[in-house]
């Protein structure tokens, strides 16, 4: 699945520094789901206020998260 995040340069840098992304699974049997980001592309807004990160996202199974 392809996802996009928008944020400041600092916020996008924090996302890029981590190989995994944790998401709260409110309507899922597991309280937290882990996803691996790959094929990451970062584009700057032409006006310099927002940065866009797009990446492929794949769910990580339980034993791979540890």
PDB file of N, CA and C in Angstrom:
ATOM      1  N   UNK A   1       0.849  -1.157   0.000  1.00  0.00           N
ATOM      2  CA  UNK A   1       0.000   0.000   0.000  1.00  0.00           C
ATOM      3  C   UNK A   1       0.903   1.231   0.000  1.00  0.00           C
ATOM      4  N   UNK A   2       0.537   2.222  -0.756  1.00  0.00           N
ATOM      5  CA  UNK A   2       1.297   3.468  -0.825  1.00  0.00           C
ATOM      6  C   UNK A   2       0.643   4.495   0.101  1.00  0.00           C
ATOM      7  N   UNK A   3       1.458   5.181   0.918  1.00  0.00           N
ATOM      8  CA  UNK A   3       0.952   6.193   1.846  1.00  0.00           C
ATOM      9  C   UNK A   3       1.716   7.495   1.653  1.00  0.00           C
ATOM     10  N   UNK A   4       1.109   8.592   2.094  1.00  0.00           N
ATOM     11  CA  UNK A   4       1.759   9.904   2.057  1.00  0.00           C
ATOM     12  C   UNK A   4       1.610  10.567   3.417  1.00  0.00           C
ATOM     13  N   UNK A   5       2.663  11.219   3.850  1.00  0.00           N
ATOM     14  CA  UNK A   5       2.649  12.005   5.074  1.00  0.00           C
ATOM     15  C   UNK A   5       3.048  13.425   4.697  1.00  0.00           C
ATOM     16  N   UNK A   6       2.395  14.394   5.291  1.00  0.00           N
ATOM     17  CA  UNK A   6       2.743  15.795   5.090  1.00  0.00           C
ATOM     18  C   UNK A   6       3.149  16.364   6.430  1.00  0.00           C
ATOM     19  N   UNK A   7       4.189  17.172   6.454  1.00  0.00           N
ATOM     20  CA  UNK A   7       4.613  17.780   7.698  1.00  0.00           C
ATOM     21  C   UNK A   7       5.783  18.704   7.486  1.00  0.00           C
ATOM     22  N   UNK A   8       6.285  19.204   8.594  1.00  0.00           N
ATOM     23  CA  UNK A   8       7.462  20.062   8.537  1.00  0.00           C
ATOM     24  C   UNK A   8       8.685  19.193   8.248  1.00  0.00           C
ATOM     25  N   UNK A   9       9.772  19.840   7.916  1.00  0.00           N
ATOM     26  CA  UNK A   9      11.020  19.122   7.657  1.00  0.00           C
ATOM     27  C   UNK A   9      11.410  18.262   8.857  1.00  0.00           C
ATOM     28  N   UNK A  10      11.255  18.800  10.057  1.00  0.00           N
ATOM     29  CA  UNK A  10      11.610  18.067  11.287  1.00  0.00           C
ATOM     30  C   UNK A  10      10.719  16.833  11.479  1.00  0.00           C
ATOM     31  N   UNK A  11       9.427  16.972  11.252  1.00  0.00           N
ATOM     32  CA  UNK A  11       8.496  15.850  11.420  1.00  0.00           C
ATOM     33  C   UNK A  11       8.783  14.734  10.418  1.00  0.00           C
ATOM     34  N   UNK A  12       9.025  15.090   9.168  1.00  0.00           N
ATOM     35  CA  UNK A  12       9.307  14.084   8.141  1.00  0.00           C
ATOM     36  C   UNK A  12      10.642  13.410   8.409  1.00  0.00           C
ATOM     37  N   UNK A  13      11.618  14.152   8.904  1.00  0.00           N
ATOM     38  CA  UNK A  13      12.913  13.558   9.251  1.00  0.00           C
ATOM     39  C   UNK A  13      12.733  12.506  10.334  1.00  0.00           C
ATOM     40  N   UNK A  14      11.881  12.754  11.319  1.00  0.00           N
ATOM     41  CA  UNK A  14      11.624  11.774  12.383  1.00  0.00           C
ATOM     42  C   UNK A  14      11.007  10.495  11.821  1.00  0.00           C
ATOM     43  N   UNK A  15      10.099  10.622  10.870  1.00  0.00           N
ATOM     44  CA  UNK A  15       9.489   9.443  10.252  1.00  0.00           C
ATOM     45  C   UNK A  15      10.539   8.664   9.467  1.00  0.00           C
ATOM     46  N   UNK A  16      11.395   9.358   8.727  1.00  0.00           N
ATOM     47  CA  UNK A  16      12.417   8.705   7.894  1.00  0.00           C
ATOM     48  C   UNK A  16      13.484   7.996   8.715  1.00  0.00           C
ATOM     49  N   UNK A  17      13.733   8.443   9.936  1.00  0.00           N
ATOM     50  CA  UNK A  17      14.781   7.857  10.770  1.00  0.00           C
ATOM     51  C   UNK A  17      14.417   6.476  11.290  1.00  0.00           C
ATOM     52  N   UNK A  18      13.157   6.123  11.240  1.00  0.00           N
ATOM     53  CA  UNK A  18      12.705   4.845  11.800  1.00  0.00           C
ATOM     54  C   UNK A  18      12.340   3.877  10.678  1.00  0.00           C
ATOM     55  N   UNK A  19      12.815   2.642  10.768  1.00  0.00           N
ATOM     56  CA  UNK A  19      12.468   1.673   9.732  1.00  0.00           C
ATOM     57  C   UNK A  19      11.035   1.154   9.859  1.00  0.00           C
ATOM     58  N   UNK A  20      10.433   1.324  11.046  1.00  0.00           N
ATOM     59  CA  UNK A  20       9.084   0.825  11.281  1.00  0.00           C
ATOM     60  C   UNK A  20       8.185   1.953  11.762  1.00  0.00           C
ATOM     61  N   UNK A  21       6.916   1.828  11.469  1.00  0.00           N
ATOM     62  CA  UNK A  21       5.916   2.789  11.889  1.00  0.00           C
ATOM     63  C   UNK A  21       4.875   2.033  12.710  1.00  0.00           C
ATOM     64  N   UNK A  22       4.566   2.507  13.911  1.00  0.00           N
ATOM     65  CA  UNK A  22       3.555   1.868  14.760  1.00  0.00           C
ATOM     66  C   UNK A  22       2.256   2.648  14.650  1.00  0.00           C
ATOM     67  N   UNK A  23       1.158   1.923  14.498  1.00  0.00           N
ATOM     68  CA  UNK A  23      -0.159   2.532  14.363  1.00  0.00           C
ATOM     69  C   UNK A  23      -1.090   1.875  15.368  1.00  0.00           C
ATOM     70  N   UNK A  24      -1.862   2.679  16.067  1.00  0.00           N
ATOM     71  CA  UNK A  24      -2.831   2.134  17.013  1.00  0.00           C
ATOM     72  C   UNK A  24      -3.956   1.462  16.237  1.00  0.00           C
ATOM     73  N   UNK A  25      -4.234   0.214  16.582  1.00  0.00           N
ATOM     74  CA  UNK A  25      -5.286  -0.536  15.908  1.00  0.00           C
ATOM     75  C   UNK A  25      -6.569  -0.526  16.716  1.00  0.00           C
ATOM     76  N   UNK A  26      -7.270   0.588  16.705  1.00  0.00           N
ATOM     77  CA  UNK A  26      -8.460   0.745  17.546  1.00  0.00           C
ATOM     78  C   UNK A  26      -9.547  -0.268  17.218  1.00  0.00           C
ATOM     79  N   UNK A  27      -9.714  -0.614  15.956  1.00  0.00           N
ATOM     80  CA  UNK A  27     -10.761  -1.571  15.575  1.00  0.00           C
ATOM     81  C   UNK A  27     -10.141  -2.876  15.090  1.00  0.00           C
ATOM     82  N   UNK A  28      -9.040  -3.220  15.666  1.00  0.00           N
ATOM     83  CA  UNK A  28      -8.293  -4.413  15.272  1.00  0.00           C
ATOM     84  C   UNK A  28      -8.006  -5.195  16.546  1.00  0.00           C
ATOM     85  N   UNK A  29      -7.925  -6.521  16.478  1.00  0.00           N
ATOM     86  CA  UNK A  29      -7.659  -7.311  17.695  1.00  0.00           C
ATOM     87  C   UNK A  29      -6.338  -6.942  18.382  1.00  0.00           C
ATOM     88  N   UNK A  30      -5.347  -6.511  17.605  1.00  0.00           N
ATOM     89  CA  UNK A  30      -4.067  -6.113  18.209  1.00  0.00           C
ATOM     90  C   UNK A  30      -4.115  -4.627  18.534  1.00  0.00           C
ATOM     91  N   UNK A  31      -3.626  -4.224  19.719  1.00  0.00           N
ATOM     92  CA  UNK A  31      -3.677  -2.805  20.075  1.00  0.00           C
ATOM     93  C   UNK A  31      -2.740  -1.936  19.240  1.00  0.00           C
ATOM     94  N   UNK A  32      -1.629  -2.504  18.767  1.00  0.00           N
ATOM     95  CA  UNK A  32      -0.670  -1.747  17.960  1.00  0.00           C
ATOM     96  C   UNK A  32      -0.273  -2.578  16.752  1.00  0.00           C
ATOM     97  N   UNK A  33      -0.293  -1.959  15.591  1.00  0.00           N
ATOM     98  CA  UNK A  33       0.143  -2.617  14.366  1.00  0.00           C
ATOM     99  C   UNK A  33       1.468  -2.003  13.950  1.00  0.00           C
ATOM    100  N   UNK A  34       2.366  -2.821  13.423  1.00  0.00           N
ATOM    101  CA  UNK A  34       3.666  -2.328  12.973  1.00  0.00           C
ATOM    102  C   UNK A  34       3.758  -2.455  11.461  1.00  0.00           C
ATOM    103  N   UNK A  35       4.291  -1.417  10.839  1.00  0.00           N
ATOM    104  CA  UNK A  35       4.455  -1.391   9.394  1.00  0.00           C
ATOM    105  C   UNK A  35       5.883  -1.012   9.063  1.00  0.00           C
ATOM    106  N   UNK A  36       6.394  -1.582   7.986  1.00  0.00           N
ATOM    107  CA  UNK A  36       7.718  -1.237   7.490  1.00  0.00           C
ATOM    108  C   UNK A  36       7.547  -0.282   6.323  1.00  0.00           C
ATOM    109  N   UNK A  37       8.339   0.800   6.329  1.00  0.00           N
ATOM    110  CA  UNK A  37       8.335   1.757   5.233  1.00  0.00           C
ATOM    111  C   UNK A  37       9.476   1.427   4.282  1.00  0.00           C
ATOM    112  N   UNK A  38       9.209   1.419   2.985  1.00  0.00           N
ATOM    113  CA  UNK A  38      10.273   1.242   2.004  1.00  0.00           C
ATOM    114  C   UNK A  38       9.925   2.011   0.744  1.00  0.00           C
ATOM    115  N   UNK A  39      10.876   2.157  -0.146  1.00  0.00           N
ATOM    116  CA  UNK A  39      10.716   2.956  -1.360  1.00  0.00           C
ATOM    117  C   UNK A  39      10.253   4.368  -0.998  1.00  0.00           C
ATOM    118  N   UNK A  40      10.986   4.991  -0.071  1.00  0.00           N
ATOM    119  CA  UNK A  40      10.626   6.305   0.461  1.00  0.00           C
ATOM    120  C   UNK A  40      11.086   7.405  -0.495  1.00  0.00           C
ATOM    121  N   UNK A  41      10.180   8.353  -0.750  1.00  0.00           N
ATOM    122  CA  UNK A  41      10.495   9.529  -1.564  1.00  0.00           C
ATOM    123  C   UNK A  41      10.028  10.759  -0.802  1.00  0.00           C
ATOM    124  N   UNK A  42      10.891  11.776  -0.742  1.00  0.00           N
ATOM    125  CA  UNK A  42      10.565  13.009  -0.037  1.00  0.00           C
ATOM    126  C   UNK A  42      10.591  14.158  -1.040  1.00  0.00           C
ATOM    127  N   UNK A  43       9.510  14.944  -1.058  1.00  0.00           N
ATOM    128  CA  UNK A  43       9.408  16.102  -1.948  1.00  0.00           C
ATOM    129  C   UNK A  43       9.117  17.341  -1.118  1.00  0.00           C
ATOM    130  N   UNK A  44       9.817  18.425  -1.422  1.00  0.00           N
ATOM    131  CA  UNK A  44       9.584  19.680  -0.717  1.00  0.00           C
ATOM    132  C   UNK A  44       8.499  20.479  -1.425  1.00  0.00           C
ATOM    133  N   UNK A  45       7.710  21.170  -0.643  1.00  0.00           N
ATOM    134  CA  UNK A  45       6.710  22.074  -1.167  1.00  0.00           C
ATOM    135  C   UNK A  45       7.429  23.234  -1.869  1.00  0.00           C
ATOM    136  N   UNK A  46       6.958  23.670  -3.016  1.00  0.00           N
ATOM    137  CA  UNK A  46       7.649  24.771  -3.702  1.00  0.00           C
ATOM    138  C   UNK A  46       7.712  26.057  -2.879  1.00  0.00           C
ATOM    139  N   UNK A  47       6.814  26.205  -1.916  1.00  0.00           N
ATOM    140  CA  UNK A  47       6.825  27.400  -1.072  1.00  0.00           C
ATOM    141  C   UNK A  47       7.640  27.198   0.204  1.00  0.00           C
ATOM    142  N   UNK A  48       8.126  25.981   0.411  1.00  0.00           N
ATOM    143  CA  UNK A  48       9.030  25.712   1.525  1.00  0.00           C
ATOM    144  C   UNK A  48       8.389  25.548   2.887  1.00  0.00           C
ATOM    145  N   UNK A  49       7.074  25.375   2.966  1.00  0.00           N
ATOM    146  CA  UNK A  49       6.443  25.256   4.281  1.00  0.00           C
ATOM    147  C   UNK A  49       6.103  23.818   4.648  1.00  0.00           C
ATOM    148  N   UNK A  50       5.858  22.958   3.664  1.00  0.00           N
ATOM    149  CA  UNK A  50       5.434  21.591   3.924  1.00  0.00           C
ATOM    150  C   UNK A  50       6.313  20.628   3.129  1.00  0.00           C
ATOM    151  N   UNK A  51       6.579  19.486   3.732  1.00  0.00           N
ATOM    152  CA  UNK A  51       7.345  18.436   3.071  1.00  0.00           C
ATOM    153  C   UNK A  51       6.426  17.231   2.924  1.00  0.00           C
ATOM    154  N   UNK A  52       6.512  16.535   1.779  1.00  0.00           N
ATOM    155  CA  UNK A  52       5.668  15.362   1.531  1.00  0.00           C
ATOM    156  C   UNK A  52       6.558  14.133   1.447  1.00  0.00           C
ATOM    157  N   UNK A  53       6.235  13.131   2.255  1.00  0.00           N
ATOM    158  CA  UNK A  53       6.915  11.848   2.204  1.00  0.00           C
ATOM    159  C   UNK A  53       5.927  10.834   1.647  1.00  0.00           C
ATOM    160  N   UNK A  54       6.333  10.108   0.617  1.00  0.00           N
ATOM    161  CA  UNK A  54       5.500   9.015   0.114  1.00  0.00           C
ATOM    162  C   UNK A  54       6.325   7.741   0.215  1.00  0.00           C
ATOM    163  N   UNK A  55       5.676   6.649   0.567  1.00  0.00           N
ATOM    164  CA  UNK A  55       6.393   5.394   0.777  1.00  0.00           C
ATOM    165  C   UNK A  55       5.449   4.217   0.611  1.00  0.00           C
ATOM    166  N   UNK A  56       6.035   3.081   0.322  1.00  0.00           N
ATOM    167  CA  UNK A  56       5.285   1.831   0.333  1.00  0.00           C
ATOM    168  C   UNK A  56       5.233   1.367   1.784  1.00  0.00           C
ATOM    169  N   UNK A  57       4.140   0.755   2.154  1.00  0.00           N
ATOM    170  CA  UNK A  57       3.913   0.343   3.529  1.00  0.00           C
ATOM    171  C   UNK A  57       3.507  -1.119   3.529  1.00  0.00           C
ATOM    172  N   UNK A  58       4.173  -1.935   4.352  1.00  0.00           N
ATOM    173  CA  UNK A  58       3.773  -3.338   4.477  1.00  0.00           C
ATOM    174  C   UNK A  58       3.711  -3.709   5.953  1.00  0.00           C
ATOM    175  N   UNK A  59       2.673  -4.452   6.320  1.00  0.00           N
ATOM    176  CA  UNK A  59       2.495  -4.829   7.717  1.00  0.00           C
ATOM    177  C   UNK A  59       3.552  -5.836   8.112  1.00  0.00           C
ATOM    178  N   UNK A  60       4.081  -5.673   9.312  1.00  0.00           N
ATOM    179  CA  UNK A  60       5.097  -6.569   9.861  1.00  0.00           C
ATOM    180  C   UNK A  60       4.400  -7.532  10.790  1.00  0.00           C
ATOM    181  N   UNK A  61       4.636  -8.809  10.598  1.00  0.00           N
ATOM    182  CA  UNK A  61       4.041  -9.832  11.464  1.00  0.00           C
ATOM    183  C   UNK A  61       4.679  -9.802  12.838  1.00  0.00           C
ATOM    184  N   UNK A  62       4.031 -10.367  13.833  1.00  0.00           N
ATOM    185  CA  UNK A  62       4.446 -10.325  15.232  1.00  0.00           C
ATOM    186  C   UNK A  62       5.897 -10.629  15.526  1.00  0.00           C
ATOM    187  N   UNK A  63       6.441 -11.733  15.031  1.00  0.00           N
ATOM    188  CA  UNK A  63       7.814 -12.104  15.374  1.00  0.00           C
ATOM    189  C   UNK A  63       8.844 -11.203  14.705  1.00  0.00           C
ATOM    190  N   UNK A  64       8.497 -10.561  13.605  1.00  0.00           N
ATOM    191  CA  UNK A  64       9.438  -9.683  12.919  1.00  0.00           C
ATOM    192  C   UNK A  64       9.609  -8.362  13.638  1.00  0.00           C
ATOM    193  N   UNK A  65       8.650  -7.957  14.485  1.00  0.00           N
ATOM    194  CA  UNK A  65       8.710  -6.673  15.181  1.00  0.00           C
ATOM    195  C   UNK A  65       9.710  -6.672  16.315  1.00  0.00           C
ATOM    196  N   UNK A  66       9.990  -7.840  16.900  1.00  0.00           N
ATOM    197  CA  UNK A  66      10.822  -7.917  18.109  1.00  0.00           C
ATOM    198  C   UNK A  66      12.267  -7.687  17.864  1.00  0.00           C
TER     199      UNK A  66
END
